[in-house]
N, C-alpha and C. Protein backbone atom coordinates (compact mmCIF):
# COMPACT_ATOMS: atom_id res chain seq x y z
N MET A 1 13.46 7.48 -17.70
CA MET A 1 13.18 7.26 -19.10
C MET A 1 14.49 7.23 -19.88
N ASN A 2 15.28 8.28 -19.77
CA ASN A 2 16.54 8.32 -20.51
C ASN A 2 17.56 7.34 -19.93
N LYS A 3 17.46 7.05 -18.64
CA LYS A 3 18.38 6.11 -18.02
C LYS A 3 18.28 4.73 -18.64
N LEU A 4 17.08 4.31 -18.96
CA LEU A 4 16.87 2.97 -19.51
C LEU A 4 16.83 2.95 -21.02
N GLY A 5 16.78 4.12 -21.63
CA GLY A 5 16.77 4.19 -23.08
C GLY A 5 15.43 3.83 -23.70
N GLY A 6 14.36 3.91 -22.92
CA GLY A 6 13.05 3.55 -23.45
C GLY A 6 12.18 4.79 -23.66
N THR A 7 10.95 4.56 -24.00
CA THR A 7 10.01 5.64 -24.22
C THR A 7 9.21 5.90 -22.94
N LYS A 8 8.52 7.02 -22.93
CA LYS A 8 7.67 7.35 -21.79
C LYS A 8 6.58 6.28 -21.62
N LYS A 9 6.05 5.80 -22.72
CA LYS A 9 5.00 4.77 -22.70
C LYS A 9 5.52 3.47 -22.09
N SER A 10 6.73 3.06 -22.44
CA SER A 10 7.28 1.82 -21.89
C SER A 10 7.56 1.97 -20.39
N ALA A 11 7.96 3.17 -19.97
CA ALA A 11 8.18 3.43 -18.55
C ALA A 11 6.85 3.36 -17.79
N GLU A 12 5.80 3.95 -18.35
CA GLU A 12 4.47 3.91 -17.73
C GLU A 12 3.97 2.47 -17.62
N ASP A 13 4.19 1.68 -18.67
CA ASP A 13 3.77 0.28 -18.67
C ASP A 13 4.50 -0.50 -17.58
N ALA A 14 5.79 -0.25 -17.42
CA ALA A 14 6.58 -0.94 -16.40
C ALA A 14 6.08 -0.59 -15.00
N VAL A 15 5.82 0.69 -14.75
CA VAL A 15 5.33 1.12 -13.44
C VAL A 15 3.94 0.54 -13.17
N ASP A 16 3.07 0.58 -14.17
CA ASP A 16 1.73 0.01 -14.03
C ASP A 16 1.79 -1.48 -13.71
N THR A 17 2.70 -2.20 -14.35
CA THR A 17 2.86 -3.63 -14.11
C THR A 17 3.30 -3.90 -12.67
N VAL A 18 4.23 -3.09 -12.17
CA VAL A 18 4.69 -3.24 -10.79
C VAL A 18 3.53 -3.03 -9.82
N PHE A 19 2.78 -1.94 -9.99
CA PHE A 19 1.67 -1.65 -9.09
C PHE A 19 0.56 -2.69 -9.20
N ASP A 20 0.28 -3.17 -10.40
CA ASP A 20 -0.74 -4.20 -10.58
C ASP A 20 -0.33 -5.50 -9.87
N THR A 21 0.95 -5.83 -9.94
CA THR A 21 1.46 -7.03 -9.29
C THR A 21 1.36 -6.91 -7.78
N ILE A 22 1.72 -5.75 -7.24
CA ILE A 22 1.62 -5.52 -5.80
C ILE A 22 0.16 -5.61 -5.36
N THR A 23 -0.73 -4.96 -6.10
CA THR A 23 -2.15 -4.96 -5.78
C THR A 23 -2.72 -6.37 -5.82
N SER A 24 -2.37 -7.13 -6.83
CA SER A 24 -2.86 -8.50 -6.97
C SER A 24 -2.40 -9.37 -5.81
N ALA A 25 -1.14 -9.27 -5.45
CA ALA A 25 -0.61 -10.08 -4.34
C ALA A 25 -1.27 -9.70 -3.03
N MET A 26 -1.45 -8.40 -2.79
CA MET A 26 -2.07 -7.96 -1.54
C MET A 26 -3.54 -8.34 -1.47
N SER A 27 -4.24 -8.36 -2.61
CA SER A 27 -5.65 -8.75 -2.60
C SER A 27 -5.82 -10.21 -2.20
N LYS A 28 -4.76 -11.00 -2.37
CA LYS A 28 -4.78 -12.40 -1.95
C LYS A 28 -4.27 -12.56 -0.52
N GLY A 29 -3.93 -11.45 0.13
CA GLY A 29 -3.45 -11.49 1.51
C GLY A 29 -1.96 -11.68 1.65
N ASN A 30 -1.23 -11.62 0.54
CA ASN A 30 0.22 -11.81 0.58
C ASN A 30 0.96 -10.52 0.92
N GLU A 31 2.15 -10.69 1.45
CA GLU A 31 3.05 -9.57 1.75
C GLU A 31 3.97 -9.38 0.55
N VAL A 32 4.26 -8.12 0.20
CA VAL A 32 5.16 -7.84 -0.92
C VAL A 32 6.33 -7.02 -0.39
N SER A 33 7.54 -7.53 -0.58
CA SER A 33 8.74 -6.86 -0.10
C SER A 33 9.56 -6.38 -1.29
N VAL A 34 9.94 -5.10 -1.25
CA VAL A 34 10.81 -4.52 -2.27
C VAL A 34 12.11 -4.16 -1.58
N ALA A 35 13.18 -4.89 -1.87
CA ALA A 35 14.45 -4.73 -1.18
C ALA A 35 14.92 -3.27 -1.20
N GLY A 36 15.28 -2.77 -0.03
CA GLY A 36 15.79 -1.41 0.10
C GLY A 36 14.71 -0.34 0.07
N PHE A 37 13.47 -0.72 -0.20
CA PHE A 37 12.38 0.26 -0.29
C PHE A 37 11.39 0.08 0.84
N GLY A 38 10.83 -1.13 0.97
CA GLY A 38 9.87 -1.37 2.04
C GLY A 38 9.03 -2.60 1.81
N VAL A 39 8.04 -2.76 2.68
CA VAL A 39 7.17 -3.93 2.65
C VAL A 39 5.71 -3.47 2.64
N PHE A 40 4.94 -4.03 1.72
CA PHE A 40 3.50 -3.79 1.65
C PHE A 40 2.82 -4.99 2.31
N VAL A 41 1.96 -4.75 3.30
CA VAL A 41 1.28 -5.84 4.00
C VAL A 41 -0.21 -5.54 4.12
N VAL A 42 -0.97 -6.60 4.38
CA VAL A 42 -2.41 -6.47 4.63
C VAL A 42 -2.63 -6.74 6.11
N LYS A 43 -3.29 -5.81 6.79
CA LYS A 43 -3.57 -5.95 8.22
C LYS A 43 -5.07 -6.04 8.43
N ASP A 44 -5.46 -6.77 9.48
CA ASP A 44 -6.86 -6.85 9.86
C ASP A 44 -7.17 -5.72 10.83
N ARG A 45 -8.25 -5.02 10.58
CA ARG A 45 -8.71 -3.98 11.50
C ARG A 45 -9.96 -4.52 12.18
N ALA A 46 -9.95 -4.58 13.50
CA ALA A 46 -11.05 -5.15 14.27
C ALA A 46 -12.31 -4.29 14.16
N ALA A 47 -13.44 -4.94 14.38
CA ALA A 47 -14.71 -4.20 14.44
C ALA A 47 -14.66 -3.28 15.65
N ARG A 48 -15.33 -2.16 15.55
CA ARG A 48 -15.32 -1.21 16.66
C ARG A 48 -16.58 -0.37 16.62
N GLU A 49 -16.74 0.39 17.67
CA GLU A 49 -17.86 1.30 17.75
C GLU A 49 -17.32 2.72 17.67
N ALA A 50 -17.90 3.53 16.81
CA ALA A 50 -17.44 4.91 16.63
C ALA A 50 -18.63 5.84 16.84
N ARG A 51 -18.36 7.12 16.78
CA ARG A 51 -19.43 8.11 16.92
C ARG A 51 -19.49 8.99 15.69
N ASN A 52 -20.71 9.27 15.27
CA ASN A 52 -20.92 10.23 14.19
C ASN A 52 -20.65 11.61 14.79
N PRO A 53 -19.64 12.34 14.29
CA PRO A 53 -19.29 13.62 14.91
C PRO A 53 -20.39 14.68 14.79
N ARG A 54 -21.23 14.53 13.81
CA ARG A 54 -22.30 15.52 13.60
C ARG A 54 -23.45 15.33 14.60
N THR A 55 -23.83 14.06 14.81
CA THR A 55 -25.00 13.78 15.66
C THR A 55 -24.63 13.20 17.02
N GLY A 56 -23.42 12.68 17.15
CA GLY A 56 -23.02 12.02 18.39
C GLY A 56 -23.55 10.60 18.50
N GLU A 57 -24.27 10.14 17.50
CA GLU A 57 -24.85 8.80 17.48
C GLU A 57 -23.76 7.74 17.37
N LYS A 58 -23.92 6.64 18.11
CA LYS A 58 -22.96 5.53 18.03
C LYS A 58 -23.20 4.76 16.74
N VAL A 59 -22.09 4.38 16.09
CA VAL A 59 -22.15 3.66 14.83
C VAL A 59 -21.23 2.46 14.93
N LYS A 60 -21.69 1.30 14.48
CA LYS A 60 -20.85 0.10 14.47
C LYS A 60 -20.05 0.08 13.17
N VAL A 61 -18.73 -0.04 13.30
CA VAL A 61 -17.85 -0.12 12.14
C VAL A 61 -17.40 -1.57 12.03
N PRO A 62 -17.68 -2.23 10.92
CA PRO A 62 -17.34 -3.65 10.79
C PRO A 62 -15.83 -3.88 10.66
N ALA A 63 -15.40 -5.10 10.95
CA ALA A 63 -14.00 -5.48 10.76
C ALA A 63 -13.67 -5.40 9.27
N THR A 64 -12.43 -5.08 8.97
CA THR A 64 -12.02 -4.96 7.57
C THR A 64 -10.52 -5.22 7.45
N LYS A 65 -10.07 -5.34 6.24
CA LYS A 65 -8.63 -5.48 5.95
C LYS A 65 -8.16 -4.17 5.34
N VAL A 66 -6.96 -3.73 5.75
CA VAL A 66 -6.42 -2.48 5.24
C VAL A 66 -4.98 -2.66 4.77
N PRO A 67 -4.58 -1.94 3.72
CA PRO A 67 -3.19 -2.02 3.27
C PRO A 67 -2.30 -1.16 4.16
N LYS A 68 -1.10 -1.65 4.43
CA LYS A 68 -0.11 -0.92 5.23
C LYS A 68 1.22 -0.97 4.51
N PHE A 69 2.06 0.02 4.77
CA PHE A 69 3.40 0.06 4.19
C PHE A 69 4.41 0.32 5.30
N ARG A 70 5.45 -0.50 5.35
CA ARG A 70 6.56 -0.29 6.28
C ARG A 70 7.78 0.08 5.46
N ALA A 71 8.30 1.25 5.68
CA ALA A 71 9.47 1.71 4.92
C ALA A 71 10.70 0.90 5.31
N GLY A 72 11.52 0.58 4.31
CA GLY A 72 12.77 -0.15 4.54
C GLY A 72 13.90 0.80 4.92
N LYS A 73 15.01 0.24 5.34
CA LYS A 73 16.15 1.03 5.78
C LYS A 73 16.67 1.96 4.69
N GLY A 74 16.73 1.48 3.46
CA GLY A 74 17.23 2.30 2.36
C GLY A 74 16.39 3.54 2.15
N LEU A 75 15.07 3.39 2.22
CA LEU A 75 14.15 4.53 2.05
C LEU A 75 14.26 5.47 3.25
N LYS A 76 14.30 4.91 4.45
CA LYS A 76 14.41 5.75 5.64
C LYS A 76 15.70 6.58 5.60
N ASP A 77 16.81 5.94 5.23
CA ASP A 77 18.09 6.66 5.17
C ASP A 77 18.07 7.76 4.09
N ALA A 78 17.40 7.50 2.97
CA ALA A 78 17.35 8.48 1.90
C ALA A 78 16.53 9.71 2.29
N VAL A 79 15.55 9.51 3.16
CA VAL A 79 14.67 10.62 3.56
C VAL A 79 15.29 11.47 4.65
N LYS A 80 16.18 10.90 5.44
CA LYS A 80 16.78 11.65 6.56
C LYS A 80 17.39 12.95 6.13
């Protein structure tokens, strides 16, 4: 906030815009890359058969798309 000289509200708006843009691109199946941070991708998860842990009954789980994140080198190095 103080680094950019803006208000808390303008910082929140900027962050919301970034996340909305990432969400919109991923909902269309696109990959979003943020240099030095990482890559947001959409992966297909195959249909499978699972078990209800309570009853042991077999349940069919349909195929679906899931969001994934791969950390970039800059983020990995910062966390070390």
